[in-house]
PDB file of N, CA and C in Angstrom:
ATOM      1  N   MET A   1     -39.020  49.255  65.510  1.00  0.00           N
ATOM      2  CA  MET A   1     -39.835  49.148  64.332  1.00  0.00           C
ATOM      3  C   MET A   1     -38.959  49.053  63.077  1.00  0.00           C
ATOM      4  N   ALA A   2     -37.986  49.971  62.945  1.00  0.00           N
ATOM      5  CA  ALA A   2     -37.112  49.976  61.769  1.00  0.00           C
ATOM      6  C   ALA A   2     -36.243  48.719  61.728  1.00  0.00           C
ATOM      7  N   GLU A   3     -35.824  48.239  62.895  1.00  0.00           N
ATOM      8  CA  GLU A   3     -35.013  47.030  62.951  1.00  0.00           C
ATOM      9  C   GLU A   3     -35.806  45.824  62.449  1.00  0.00           C
ATOM     10  N   ARG A   4     -37.061  45.763  62.818  1.00  0.00           N
ATOM     11  CA  ARG A   4     -37.912  44.653  62.376  1.00  0.00           C
ATOM     12  C   ARG A   4     -38.118  44.707  60.866  1.00  0.00           C
ATOM     13  N   GLU A   5     -38.346  45.903  60.360  1.00  0.00           N
ATOM     14  CA  GLU A   5     -38.529  46.073  58.912  1.00  0.00           C
ATOM     15  C   GLU A   5     -37.263  45.672  58.164  1.00  0.00           C
ATOM     16  N   ARG A   6     -36.125  46.055  58.708  1.00  0.00           N
ATOM     17  CA  ARG A   6     -34.849  45.697  58.089  1.00  0.00           C
ATOM     18  C   ARG A   6     -34.674  44.186  58.063  1.00  0.00           C
ATOM     19  N   ALA A   7     -35.033  43.524  59.148  1.00  0.00           N
ATOM     20  CA  ALA A   7     -34.916  42.071  59.218  1.00  0.00           C
ATOM     21  C   ALA A   7     -35.851  41.396  58.219  1.00  0.00           C
ATOM     22  N   VAL A   8     -37.061  41.920  58.063  1.00  0.00           N
ATOM     23  CA  VAL A   8     -38.020  41.347  57.116  1.00  0.00           C
ATOM     24  C   VAL A   8     -37.504  41.509  55.685  1.00  0.00           C
ATOM     25  N   ILE A   9     -36.991  42.687  55.357  1.00  0.00           N
ATOM     26  CA  ILE A   9     -36.442  42.942  54.018  1.00  0.00           C
ATOM     27  C   ILE A   9     -35.260  42.026  53.754  1.00  0.00           C
ATOM     28  N   SER A  10     -34.407  41.867  54.750  1.00  0.00           N
ATOM     29  CA  SER A  10     -33.235  41.003  54.605  1.00  0.00           C
ATOM     30  C   SER A  10     -33.653  39.561  54.341  1.00  0.00           C
ATOM     31  N   ALA A  11     -34.606  39.071  55.101  1.00  0.00           N
ATOM     32  CA  ALA A  11     -35.059  37.691  54.921  1.00  0.00           C
ATOM     33  C   ALA A  11     -35.686  37.505  53.541  1.00  0.00           C
ATOM     34  N   ARG A  12     -36.490  38.474  53.109  1.00  0.00           N
ATOM     35  CA  ARG A  12     -37.134  38.393  51.798  1.00  0.00           C
ATOM     36  C   ARG A  12     -36.095  38.394  50.683  1.00  0.00           C
ATOM     37  N   THR A  13     -35.069  39.231  50.811  1.00  0.00           N
ATOM     38  CA  THR A  13     -34.015  39.309  49.802  1.00  0.00           C
ATOM     39  C   THR A  13     -33.216  38.008  49.746  1.00  0.00           C
ATOM     40  N   LYS A  14     -32.875  37.470  50.910  1.00  0.00           N
ATOM     41  CA  LYS A  14     -32.116  36.211  50.949  1.00  0.00           C
ATOM     42  C   LYS A  14     -32.917  35.078  50.331  1.00  0.00           C
ATOM     43  N   ALA A  15     -34.209  35.037  50.603  1.00  0.00           N
ATOM     44  CA  ALA A  15     -35.059  33.992  50.035  1.00  0.00           C
ATOM     45  C   ALA A  15     -35.142  34.119  48.517  1.00  0.00           C
ATOM     46  N   ALA A  16     -35.271  35.340  48.030  1.00  0.00           N
ATOM     47  CA  ALA A  16     -35.353  35.561  46.583  1.00  0.00           C
ATOM     48  C   ALA A  16     -34.043  35.182  45.898  1.00  0.00           C
ATOM     49  N   LEU A  17     -32.920  35.506  46.495  1.00  0.00           N
ATOM     50  CA  LEU A  17     -31.627  35.141  45.917  1.00  0.00           C
ATOM     51  C   LEU A  17     -31.428  33.628  45.924  1.00  0.00           C
ATOM     52  N   ALA A  18     -31.842  32.982  47.003  1.00  0.00           N
ATOM     53  CA  ALA A  18     -31.719  31.523  47.076  1.00  0.00           C
ATOM     54  C   ALA A  18     -32.594  30.861  46.013  1.00  0.00           C
ATOM     55  N   ALA A  19     -33.799  31.389  45.805  1.00  0.00           N
ATOM     56  CA  ALA A  19     -34.697  30.834  44.788  1.00  0.00           C
ATOM     57  C   ALA A  19     -34.115  31.015  43.390  1.00  0.00           C
ATOM     58  N   ALA A  20     -33.562  32.184  43.124  1.00  0.00           N
ATOM     59  CA  ALA A  20     -32.950  32.436  41.814  1.00  0.00           C
ATOM     60  C   ALA A  20     -31.772  31.511  41.583  1.00  0.00           C
ATOM     61  N   LYS A  21     -30.976  31.306  42.620  1.00  0.00           N
ATOM     62  CA  LYS A  21     -29.818  30.416  42.507  1.00  0.00           C
ATOM     63  C   LYS A  21     -30.271  28.973  42.262  1.00  0.00           C
ATOM     64  N   ALA A  22     -31.345  28.572  42.934  1.00  0.00           N
ATOM     65  CA  ALA A  22     -31.880  27.216  42.755  1.00  0.00           C
ATOM     66  C   ALA A  22     -32.398  27.001  41.330  1.00  0.00           C
ATOM     67  N   ARG A  23     -32.908  28.067  40.702  1.00  0.00           N
ATOM     68  CA  ARG A  23     -33.386  27.970  39.314  1.00  0.00           C
ATOM     69  C   ARG A  23     -32.220  27.936  38.333  1.00  0.00           C
ATOM     70  N   GLY A  24     -31.010  28.171  38.820  1.00  0.00           N
ATOM     71  CA  GLY A  24     -29.843  28.149  37.945  1.00  0.00           C
ATOM     72  C   GLY A  24     -29.507  29.496  37.338  1.00  0.00           C
ATOM     73  N   GLN A  25     -30.154  30.525  37.812  1.00  0.00           N
ATOM     74  CA  GLN A  25     -29.901  31.872  37.304  1.00  0.00           C
ATOM     75  C   GLN A  25     -28.538  32.359  37.811  1.00  0.00           C
ATOM     76  N   ALA A  26     -27.763  32.942  36.922  1.00  0.00           N
ATOM     77  CA  ALA A  26     -26.458  33.474  37.304  1.00  0.00           C
ATOM     78  C   ALA A  26     -26.655  34.751  38.105  1.00  0.00           C
ATOM     79  N   LEU A  27     -26.031  34.816  39.261  1.00  0.00           N
ATOM     80  CA  LEU A  27     -26.142  35.995  40.118  1.00  0.00           C
ATOM     81  C   LEU A  27     -24.899  36.855  39.948  1.00  0.00           C
ATOM     82  N   GLY A  28     -25.067  38.141  40.035  1.00  0.00           N
ATOM     83  CA  GLY A  28     -23.944  39.059  39.922  1.00  0.00           C
ATOM     84  C   GLY A  28     -23.636  39.410  38.488  1.00  0.00           C
ATOM     85  N   ASN A  29     -22.517  40.031  38.285  1.00  0.00           N
ATOM     86  CA  ASN A  29     -22.099  40.472  36.951  1.00  0.00           C
ATOM     87  C   ASN A  29     -21.465  39.291  36.219  1.00  0.00           C
ATOM     88  N   PRO A  30     -22.055  38.851  35.117  1.00  0.00           N
ATOM     89  CA  PRO A  30     -21.480  37.697  34.411  1.00  0.00           C
ATOM     90  C   PRO A  30     -20.139  38.002  33.754  1.00  0.00           C
ATOM     91  N   ARG A  31     -19.830  39.275  33.573  1.00  0.00           N
ATOM     92  CA  ARG A  31     -18.553  39.659  32.952  1.00  0.00           C
ATOM     93  C   ARG A  31     -17.727  40.477  33.940  1.00  0.00           C
ATOM     94  N   LEU A  32     -17.625  39.999  35.173  1.00  0.00           N
ATOM     95  CA  LEU A  32     -16.954  40.745  36.227  1.00  0.00           C
ATOM     96  C   LEU A  32     -15.479  40.989  35.922  1.00  0.00           C
ATOM     97  N   SER A  33     -14.777  39.987  35.425  1.00  0.00           N
ATOM     98  CA  SER A  33     -13.344  40.179  35.166  1.00  0.00           C
ATOM     99  C   SER A  33     -13.133  41.228  34.075  1.00  0.00           C
ATOM    100  N   GLU A  34     -14.012  41.238  33.077  1.00  0.00           N
ATOM    101  CA  GLU A  34     -13.921  42.257  32.022  1.00  0.00           C
ATOM    102  C   GLU A  34     -14.201  43.653  32.588  1.00  0.00           C
ATOM    103  N   ALA A  35     -15.210  43.755  33.447  1.00  0.00           N
ATOM    104  CA  ALA A  35     -15.541  45.048  34.061  1.00  0.00           C
ATOM    105  C   ALA A  35     -14.398  45.541  34.943  1.00  0.00           C
ATOM    106  N   ARG A  36     -13.781  44.621  35.684  1.00  0.00           N
ATOM    107  CA  ARG A  36     -12.645  45.005  36.532  1.00  0.00           C
ATOM    108  C   ARG A  36     -11.467  45.485  35.697  1.00  0.00           C
ATOM    109  N   ALA A  37     -11.200  44.797  34.598  1.00  0.00           N
ATOM    110  CA  ALA A  37     -10.083  45.191  33.734  1.00  0.00           C
ATOM    111  C   ALA A  37     -10.311  46.593  33.163  1.00  0.00           C
ATOM    112  N   ILE A  38     -11.534  46.881  32.758  1.00  0.00           N
ATOM    113  CA  ILE A  38     -11.847  48.211  32.220  1.00  0.00           C
ATOM    114  C   ILE A  38     -11.684  49.269  33.305  1.00  0.00           C
ATOM    115  N   ALA A  39     -12.205  48.986  34.508  1.00  0.00           N
ATOM    116  CA  ALA A  39     -12.093  49.940  35.613  1.00  0.00           C
ATOM    117  C   ALA A  39     -10.640  50.167  36.004  1.00  0.00           C
ATOM    118  N   ASN A  40      -9.845  49.091  36.080  1.00  0.00           N
ATOM    119  CA  ASN A  40      -8.428  49.227  36.441  1.00  0.00           C
ATOM    120  C   ASN A  40      -7.673  50.043  35.405  1.00  0.00           C
ATOM    121  N   ALA A  41      -7.969  49.830  34.138  1.00  0.00           N
ATOM    122  CA  ALA A  41      -7.310  50.600  33.080  1.00  0.00           C
ATOM    123  C   ALA A  41      -7.670  52.078  33.191  1.00  0.00           C
ATOM    124  N   ALA A  42      -8.930  52.362  33.497  1.00  0.00           N
ATOM    125  CA  ALA A  42      -9.350  53.761  33.643  1.00  0.00           C
ATOM    126  C   ALA A  42      -8.673  54.419  34.838  1.00  0.00           C
ATOM    127  N   HIS A  43      -8.583  53.698  35.966  1.00  0.00           N
ATOM    128  CA  HIS A  43      -7.915  54.247  37.154  1.00  0.00           C
ATOM    129  C   HIS A  43      -6.435  54.494  36.890  1.00  0.00           C
ATOM    130  N   LYS A  44      -5.801  53.566  36.191  1.00  0.00           N
ATOM    131  CA  LYS A  44      -4.377  53.728  35.877  1.00  0.00           C
ATOM    132  C   LYS A  44      -4.162  54.931  34.963  1.00  0.00           C
ATOM    133  N   ALA A  45      -5.044  55.108  33.986  1.00  0.00           N
ATOM    134  CA  ALA A  45      -4.921  56.249  33.083  1.00  0.00           C
ATOM    135  C   ALA A  45      -5.086  57.563  33.831  1.00  0.00           C
ATOM    136  N   GLU A  46      -6.047  57.607  34.768  1.00  0.00           N
ATOM    137  CA  GLU A  46      -6.237  58.817  35.579  1.00  0.00           C
ATOM    138  C   GLU A  46      -5.009  59.097  36.432  1.00  0.00           C
ATOM    139  N   ALA A  47      -4.459  58.047  37.054  1.00  0.00           N
ATOM    140  CA  ALA A  47      -3.277  58.221  37.902  1.00  0.00           C
ATOM    141  C   ALA A  47      -2.074  58.667  37.081  1.00  0.00           C
ATOM    142  N   ASP A  48      -1.906  58.110  35.889  1.00  0.00           N
ATOM    143  CA  ASP A  48      -0.792  58.511  35.026  1.00  0.00           C
ATOM    144  C   ASP A  48      -0.932  59.969  34.591  1.00  0.00           C
ATOM    145  N   ALA A  49      -2.157  60.381  34.263  1.00  0.00           N
ATOM    146  CA  ALA A  49      -2.389  61.771  33.857  1.00  0.00           C
ATOM    147  C   ALA A  49      -2.103  62.719  35.018  1.00  0.00           C
ATOM    148  N   HIS A  50      -2.519  62.336  36.214  1.00  0.00           N
ATOM    149  CA  HIS A  50      -2.284  63.190  37.386  1.00  0.00           C
ATOM    150  C   HIS A  50      -0.787  63.272  37.700  1.00  0.00           C
ATOM    151  N   SER A  51      -0.079  62.141  37.587  1.00  0.00           N
ATOM    152  CA  SER A  51       1.356  62.166  37.882  1.00  0.00           C
ATOM    153  C   SER A  51       2.116  63.006  36.859  1.00  0.00           C
ATOM    154  N   ALA A  52       1.629  63.047  35.621  1.00  0.00           N
ATOM    155  CA  ALA A  52       2.279  63.878  34.606  1.00  0.00           C
ATOM    156  C   ALA A  52       2.153  65.359  34.962  1.00  0.00           C
ATOM    157  N   ILE A  53       1.080  65.723  35.639  1.00  0.00           N
ATOM    158  CA  ILE A  53       0.883  67.111  36.070  1.00  0.00           C
ATOM    159  C   ILE A  53       1.746  67.429  37.283  1.00  0.00           C
ATOM    160  N   VAL A  54       1.857  66.481  38.209  1.00  0.00           N
ATOM    161  CA  VAL A  54       2.553  66.716  39.478  1.00  0.00           C
ATOM    162  C   VAL A  54       4.062  66.544  39.363  1.00  0.00           C
ATOM    163  N   ALA A  55       4.534  65.716  38.442  1.00  0.00           N
ATOM    164  CA  ALA A  55       5.965  65.399  38.335  1.00  0.00           C
ATOM    165  C   ALA A  55       6.854  66.636  38.223  1.00  0.00           C
ATOM    166  N   PRO A  56       6.533  67.613  37.365  1.00  0.00           N
ATOM    167  CA  PRO A  56       7.407  68.788  37.287  1.00  0.00           C
ATOM    168  C   PRO A  56       7.503  69.552  38.614  1.00  0.00           C
ATOM    169  N   ALA A  57       6.403  69.609  39.341  1.00  0.00           N
ATOM    170  CA  ALA A  57       6.421  70.316  40.626  1.00  0.00           C
ATOM    171  C   ALA A  57       7.287  69.583  41.641  1.00  0.00           C
ATOM    172  N   ILE A  58       7.273  68.254  41.608  1.00  0.00           N
ATOM    173  CA  ILE A  58       8.121  67.478  42.517  1.00  0.00           C
ATOM    174  C   ILE A  58       9.588  67.716  42.172  1.00  0.00           C
ATOM    175  N   ARG A  59       9.906  67.693  40.884  1.00  0.00           N
ATOM    176  CA  ARG A  59      11.300  67.936  40.476  1.00  0.00           C
ATOM    177  C   ARG A  59      11.741  69.348  40.856  1.00  0.00           C
ATOM    178  N   GLU A  60      10.861  70.338  40.692  1.00  0.00           N
ATOM    179  CA  GLU A  60      11.206  71.718  41.081  1.00  0.00           C
ATOM    180  C   GLU A  60      11.427  71.823  42.585  1.00  0.00           C
ATOM    181  N   ALA A  61      10.587  71.151  43.366  1.00  0.00           N
ATOM    182  CA  ALA A  61      10.752  71.184  44.821  1.00  0.00           C
ATOM    183  C   ALA A  61      12.076  70.549  45.225  1.00  0.00           C
ATOM    184  N   GLN A  62      12.432  69.447  44.577  1.00  0.00           N
ATOM    185  CA  GLN A  62      13.706  68.800  44.882  1.00  0.00           C
ATOM    186  C   GLN A  62      14.877  69.683  44.462  1.00  0.00           C
ATOM    187  N   ALA A  63      14.743  70.349  43.328  1.00  0.00           N
ATOM    188  CA  ALA A  63      15.809  71.249  42.878  1.00  0.00           C
ATOM    189  C   ALA A  63      15.961  72.439  43.819  1.00  0.00           C
ATOM    190  N   ALA A  64      14.859  72.828  44.464  1.00  0.00           N
ATOM    191  CA  ALA A  64      14.891  73.954  45.402  1.00  0.00           C
ATOM    192  C   ALA A  64      15.382  73.535  46.784  1.00  0.00           C
ATOM    193  N   GLY A  65      15.696  72.240  46.951  1.00  0.00           N
ATOM    194  CA  GLY A  65      16.274  71.802  48.215  1.00  0.00           C
ATOM    195  C   GLY A  65      15.405  70.892  49.053  1.00  0.00           C
ATOM    196  N   ALA A  66      14.219  70.551  48.600  1.00  0.00           N
ATOM    197  CA  ALA A  66      13.357  69.644  49.364  1.00  0.00           C
ATOM    198  C   ALA A  66      13.955  68.246  49.297  1.00  0.00           C
ATOM    199  N   LYS A  67      14.344  67.722  50.448  1.00  0.00           N
ATOM    200  CA  LYS A  67      14.987  66.420  50.491  1.00  0.00           C
ATOM    201  C   LYS A  67      14.070  65.348  51.081  1.00  0.00           C
ATOM    202  N   SER A  68      13.239  65.710  52.036  1.00  0.00           N
ATOM    203  CA  SER A  68      12.382  64.714  52.680  1.00  0.00           C
ATOM    204  C   SER A  68      10.996  64.709  52.037  1.00  0.00           C
ATOM    205  N   LEU A  69      10.280  63.633  52.265  1.00  0.00           N
ATOM    206  CA  LEU A  69       8.911  63.541  51.754  1.00  0.00           C
ATOM    207  C   LEU A  69       8.029  64.612  52.385  1.00  0.00           C
ATOM    208  N   ARG A  70       8.275  64.921  53.646  1.00  0.00           N
ATOM    209  CA  ARG A  70       7.504  65.964  54.329  1.00  0.00           C
ATOM    210  C   ARG A  70       7.718  67.315  53.642  1.00  0.00           C
ATOM    211  N   GLN A  71       8.956  67.613  53.254  1.00  0.00           N
ATOM    212  CA  GLN A  71       9.250  68.871  52.565  1.00  0.00           C
ATOM    213  C   GLN A  71       8.616  68.913  51.173  1.00  0.00           C
ATOM    214  N   ILE A  72       8.631  67.780  50.474  1.00  0.00           N
ATOM    215  CA  ILE A  72       8.014  67.732  49.151  1.00  0.00           C
ATOM    216  C   ILE A  72       6.509  67.933  49.282  1.00  0.00           C
ATOM    217  N   ALA A  73       5.885  67.262  50.271  1.00  0.00           N
ATOM    218  CA  ALA A  73       4.446  67.422  50.489  1.00  0.00           C
ATOM    219  C   ALA A  73       4.115  68.874  50.824  1.00  0.00           C
ATOM    220  N   ALA A  74       4.934  69.491  51.668  1.00  0.00           N
ATOM    221  CA  ALA A  74       4.696  70.892  52.033  1.00  0.00           C
ATOM    222  C   ALA A  74       4.824  71.806  50.811  1.00  0.00           C
ATOM    223  N   ALA A  75       5.789  71.518  49.943  1.00  0.00           N
ATOM    224  CA  ALA A  75       5.961  72.324  48.735  1.00  0.00           C
ATOM    225  C   ALA A  75       4.760  72.195  47.806  1.00  0.00           C
ATOM    226  N   LEU A  76       4.253  70.975  47.658  1.00  0.00           N
ATOM    227  CA  LEU A  76       3.075  70.771  46.799  1.00  0.00           C
ATOM    228  C   LEU A  76       1.853  71.479  47.378  1.00  0.00           C
ATOM    229  N   ASN A  77       1.694  71.426  48.708  1.00  0.00           N
ATOM    230  CA  ASN A  77       0.575  72.116  49.345  1.00  0.00           C
ATOM    231  C   ASN A  77       0.722  73.626  49.204  1.00  0.00           C
ATOM    232  N   ALA A  78       1.942  74.125  49.360  1.00  0.00           N
ATOM    233  CA  ALA A  78       2.172  75.575  49.258  1.00  0.00           C
ATOM    234  C   ALA A  78       1.860  76.089  47.859  1.00  0.00           C
ATOM    235  N   ARG A  79       2.122  75.263  46.863  1.00  0.00           N
ATOM    236  CA  ARG A  79       1.841  75.677  45.479  1.00  0.00           C
ATOM    237  C   ARG A  79       0.385  75.480  45.104  1.00  0.00           C
ATOM    238  N   GLY A  80      -0.391  74.878  46.002  1.00  0.00           N
ATOM    239  CA  GLY A  80      -1.811  74.675  45.737  1.00  0.00           C
ATOM    240  C   GLY A  80      -2.091  73.581  44.721  1.00  0.00           C
ATOM    241  N   ILE A  81      -1.168  72.642  44.587  1.00  0.00           N
ATOM    242  CA  ILE A  81      -1.348  71.555  43.629  1.00  0.00           C
ATOM    243  C   ILE A  81      -2.306  70.533  44.234  1.00  0.00           C
ATOM    244  N   ALA A  82      -3.319  70.192  43.488  1.00  0.00           N
ATOM    245  CA  ALA A  82      -4.353  69.284  43.975  1.00  0.00           C
ATOM    246  C   ALA A  82      -3.838  67.855  44.065  1.00  0.00           C
ATOM    247  N   THR A  83      -4.315  67.149  45.076  1.00  0.00           N
ATOM    248  CA  THR A  83      -4.075  65.715  45.156  1.00  0.00           C
ATOM    249  C   THR A  83      -5.048  65.036  44.200  1.00  0.00           C
ATOM    250  N   ALA A  84      -4.954  63.741  44.091  1.00  0.00           N
ATOM    251  CA  ALA A  84      -5.868  63.015  43.211  1.00  0.00           C
ATOM    252  C   ALA A  84      -7.304  63.110  43.707  1.00  0.00           C
ATOM    253  N   ARG A  85      -7.490  63.356  44.999  1.00  0.00           N
ATOM    254  CA  ARG A  85      -8.836  63.429  45.571  1.00  0.00           C
ATOM    255  C   ARG A  85      -9.460  64.813  45.502  1.00  0.00           C
ATOM    256  N   GLY A  86      -8.691  65.826  45.216  1.00  0.00           N
ATOM    257  CA  GLY A  86      -9.313  67.136  45.132  1.00  0.00           C
ATOM    258  C   GLY A  86      -8.360  68.268  45.427  1.00  0.00           C
ATOM    259  N   PRO A  87      -8.840  69.497  45.293  1.00  0.00           N
ATOM    260  CA  PRO A  87      -7.993  70.667  45.494  1.00  0.00           C
ATOM    261  C   PRO A  87      -7.645  70.881  46.962  1.00  0.00           C
ATOM    262  N   VAL A  88      -6.554  71.590  47.195  1.00  0.00           N
ATOM    263  CA  VAL A  88      -6.141  71.926  48.549  1.00  0.00           C
ATOM    264  C   VAL A  88      -7.222  72.791  49.167  1.00  0.00           C
ATOM    265  N   GLY A  89      -7.579  72.482  50.414  1.00  0.00           N
ATOM    266  CA  GLY A  89      -8.610  73.252  51.098  1.00  0.00           C
ATOM    267  C   GLY A  89     -10.003  72.737  50.814  1.00  0.00           C
ATOM    268  N   GLY A  90     -10.108  71.481  50.407  1.00  0.00           N
ATOM    269  CA  GLY A  90     -11.418  70.898  50.127  1.00  0.00           C
ATOM    270  C   GLY A  90     -12.288  70.879  51.372  1.00  0.00           C
ATOM    271  N   SER A  91     -13.562  70.662  51.197  1.00  0.00           N
ATOM    272  CA  SER A  91     -14.489  70.750  52.321  1.00  0.00           C
ATOM    273  C   SER A  91     -15.018  69.396  52.766  1.00  0.00           C
ATOM    274  N   ASP A  92     -14.367  68.319  52.396  1.00  0.00           N
ATOM    275  CA  ASP A  92     -14.824  66.997  52.779  1.00  0.00           C
ATOM    276  C   ASP A  92     -14.448  66.745  54.232  1.00  0.00           C
ATOM    277  N   ARG A  93     -15.408  66.811  55.127  1.00  0.00           N
ATOM    278  CA  ARG A  93     -15.127  66.661  56.555  1.00  0.00           C
ATOM    279  C   ARG A  93     -14.811  65.230  56.947  1.00  0.00           C
ATOM    280  N   ARG A  94     -15.316  64.260  56.182  1.00  0.00           N
ATOM    281  CA  ARG A  94     -15.090  62.863  56.533  1.00  0.00           C
ATOM    282  C   ARG A  94     -13.621  62.494  56.396  1.00  0.00           C
ATOM    283  N   ASP A  95     -12.923  63.097  55.477  1.00  0.00           N
ATOM    284  CA  ASP A  95     -11.513  62.785  55.266  1.00  0.00           C
ATOM    285  C   ASP A  95     -10.763  64.103  55.182  1.00  0.00           C
ATOM    286  N   ARG A  96     -10.393  64.629  56.331  1.00  0.00           N
ATOM    287  CA  ARG A  96      -9.840  65.980  56.347  1.00  0.00           C
ATOM    288  C   ARG A  96      -8.482  66.085  55.662  1.00  0.00           C
ATOM    289  N   HIS A  97      -7.829  64.936  55.407  1.00  0.00           N
ATOM    290  CA  HIS A  97      -6.550  64.965  54.710  1.00  0.00           C
ATOM    291  C   HIS A  97      -6.695  64.613  53.233  1.00  0.00           C
ATOM    292  N   ALA A  98      -7.921  64.444  52.756  1.00  0.00           N
ATOM    293  CA  ALA A  98      -8.133  63.997  51.376  1.00  0.00           C
ATOM    294  C   ALA A  98      -7.557  64.971  50.370  1.00  0.00           C
ATOM    295  N   SER A  99      -7.543  66.248  50.689  1.00  0.00           N
ATOM    296  CA  SER A  99      -7.124  67.224  49.703  1.00  0.00           C
ATOM    297  C   SER A  99      -5.756  67.835  50.018  1.00  0.00           C
ATOM    298  N   ARG A 100      -5.057  67.314  51.001  1.00  0.00           N
ATOM    299  CA  ARG A 100      -3.739  67.836  51.360  1.00  0.00           C
ATOM    300  C   ARG A 100      -2.701  66.758  51.099  1.00  0.00           C
ATOM    301  N   TRP A 101      -1.569  67.177  50.583  1.00  0.00           N
ATOM    302  CA  TRP A 101      -0.475  66.239  50.366  1.00  0.00           C
ATOM    303  C   TRP A 101       0.105  65.833  51.705  1.00  0.00           C
ATOM    304  N   GLN A 102       0.307  64.556  51.879  1.00  0.00           N
ATOM    305  CA  GLN A 102       0.935  63.995  53.064  1.00  0.00           C
ATOM    306  C   GLN A 102       2.240  63.330  52.609  1.00  0.00           C
ATOM    307  N   PRO A 103       3.176  63.083  53.523  1.00  0.00           N
ATOM    308  CA  PRO A 103       4.422  62.425  53.109  1.00  0.00           C
ATOM    309  C   PRO A 103       4.188  61.103  52.392  1.00  0.00           C
ATOM    310  N   GLY A 104       3.211  60.330  52.835  1.00  0.00           N
ATOM    311  CA  GLY A 104       2.928  59.053  52.188  1.00  0.00           C
ATOM    312  C   GLY A 104       2.408  59.208  50.769  1.00  0.00           C
ATOM    313  N   SER A 105       1.570  60.220  50.552  1.00  0.00           N
ATOM    314  CA  SER A 105       1.057  60.440  49.193  1.00  0.00           C
ATOM    315  C   SER A 105       2.162  60.988  48.292  1.00  0.00           C
ATOM    316  N   ALA A 106       3.064  61.776  48.864  1.00  0.00           N
ATOM    317  CA  ALA A 106       4.207  62.263  48.082  1.00  0.00           C
ATOM    318  C   ALA A 106       5.115  61.090  47.716  1.00  0.00           C
ATOM    319  N   PHE A 107       5.263  60.132  48.633  1.00  0.00           N
ATOM    320  CA  PHE A 107       6.070  58.945  48.350  1.00  0.00           C
ATOM    321  C   PHE A 107       5.461  58.153  47.197  1.00  0.00           C
ATOM    322  N   GLY A 108       4.150  57.928  47.266  1.00  0.00           N
ATOM    323  CA  GLY A 108       3.478  57.181  46.211  1.00  0.00           C
ATOM    324  C   GLY A 108       3.591  57.860  44.866  1.00  0.00           C
ATOM    325  N   MET A 109       3.443  59.167  44.850  1.00  0.00           N
ATOM    326  CA  MET A 109       3.548  59.912  43.596  1.00  0.00           C
ATOM    327  C   MET A 109       4.991  59.884  43.098  1.00  0.00           C
ATOM    328  N   GLY A 110       5.942  59.998  44.013  1.00  0.00           N
ATOM    329  CA  GLY A 110       7.348  59.936  43.607  1.00  0.00           C
ATOM    330  C   GLY A 110       7.693  58.589  42.997  1.00  0.00           C
ATOM    331  N   ALA A 111       7.152  57.516  43.555  1.00  0.00           N
ATOM    332  CA  ALA A 111       7.392  56.182  43.009  1.00  0.00           C
ATOM    333  C   ALA A 111       6.782  56.061  41.619  1.00  0.00           C
ATOM    334  N   ARG A 112       5.584  56.616  41.421  1.00  0.00           N
ATOM    335  CA  ARG A 112       4.928  56.564  40.104  1.00  0.00           C
ATOM    336  C   ARG A 112       5.724  57.381  39.094  1.00  0.00           C
ATOM    337  N   VAL A 113       6.209  58.545  39.511  1.00  0.00           N
ATOM    338  CA  VAL A 113       7.005  59.401  38.607  1.00  0.00           C
ATOM    339  C   VAL A 113       8.300  58.703  38.230  1.00  0.00           C
ATOM    340  N   ALA A 114       8.961  58.068  39.223  1.00  0.00           N
ATOM    341  CA  ALA A 114      10.213  57.367  38.940  1.00  0.00           C
ATOM    342  C   ALA A 114       9.986  56.190  37.992  1.00  0.00           C
ATOM    343  N   ALA A 115       8.885  55.478  38.184  1.00  0.00           N
ATOM    344  CA  ALA A 115       8.587  54.350  37.299  1.00  0.00           C
ATOM    345  C   ALA A 115       8.282  54.824  35.882  1.00  0.00           C
ATOM    346  N   ALA A 116       7.687  55.976  35.761  1.00  0.00           N
ATOM    347  CA  ALA A 116       7.362  56.518  34.424  1.00  0.00           C
ATOM    348  C   ALA A 116       8.630  56.939  33.683  1.00  0.00           C
ATOM    349  N   ARG A 117       9.650  57.332  34.428  1.00  0.00           N
ATOM    350  CA  ARG A 117      10.905  57.771  33.798  1.00  0.00           C
ATOM    351  C   ARG A 117      11.696  56.607  33.239  1.00  0.00           C
ATOM    352  N   ARG A 118      11.481  55.408  33.767  1.00  0.00           N
ATOM    353  CA  ARG A 118      12.263  54.246  33.317  1.00  0.00           C
ATOM    354  C   ARG A 118      11.888  53.812  31.948  1.00  0.00           C
TER     355      ARG A 118
END
């Protein structure tokens, strides 16, 4: 029953979109590139702000002897420093690593910190 309803809705939607397109109506966001530029700038600003918070902790971990990405990630987790996705010990079951630093995320943050220093 639900599958049939889904198929009917899909067909109705496709027909309506085809009719709108035939009338010459613009479909989608007419200023998509502008919207993307605004969103990208906002994401970059958030990432830069987060890296400014994490950078001192990475430098302290390296000064304390952390040489590998795994050691840096462990140091950030031990200090309870939140990843960009949330605090350590988050409850998101769909992505159990979302709130824990992993070597790859430490690498990405280290690259961002190094680029900011240049």
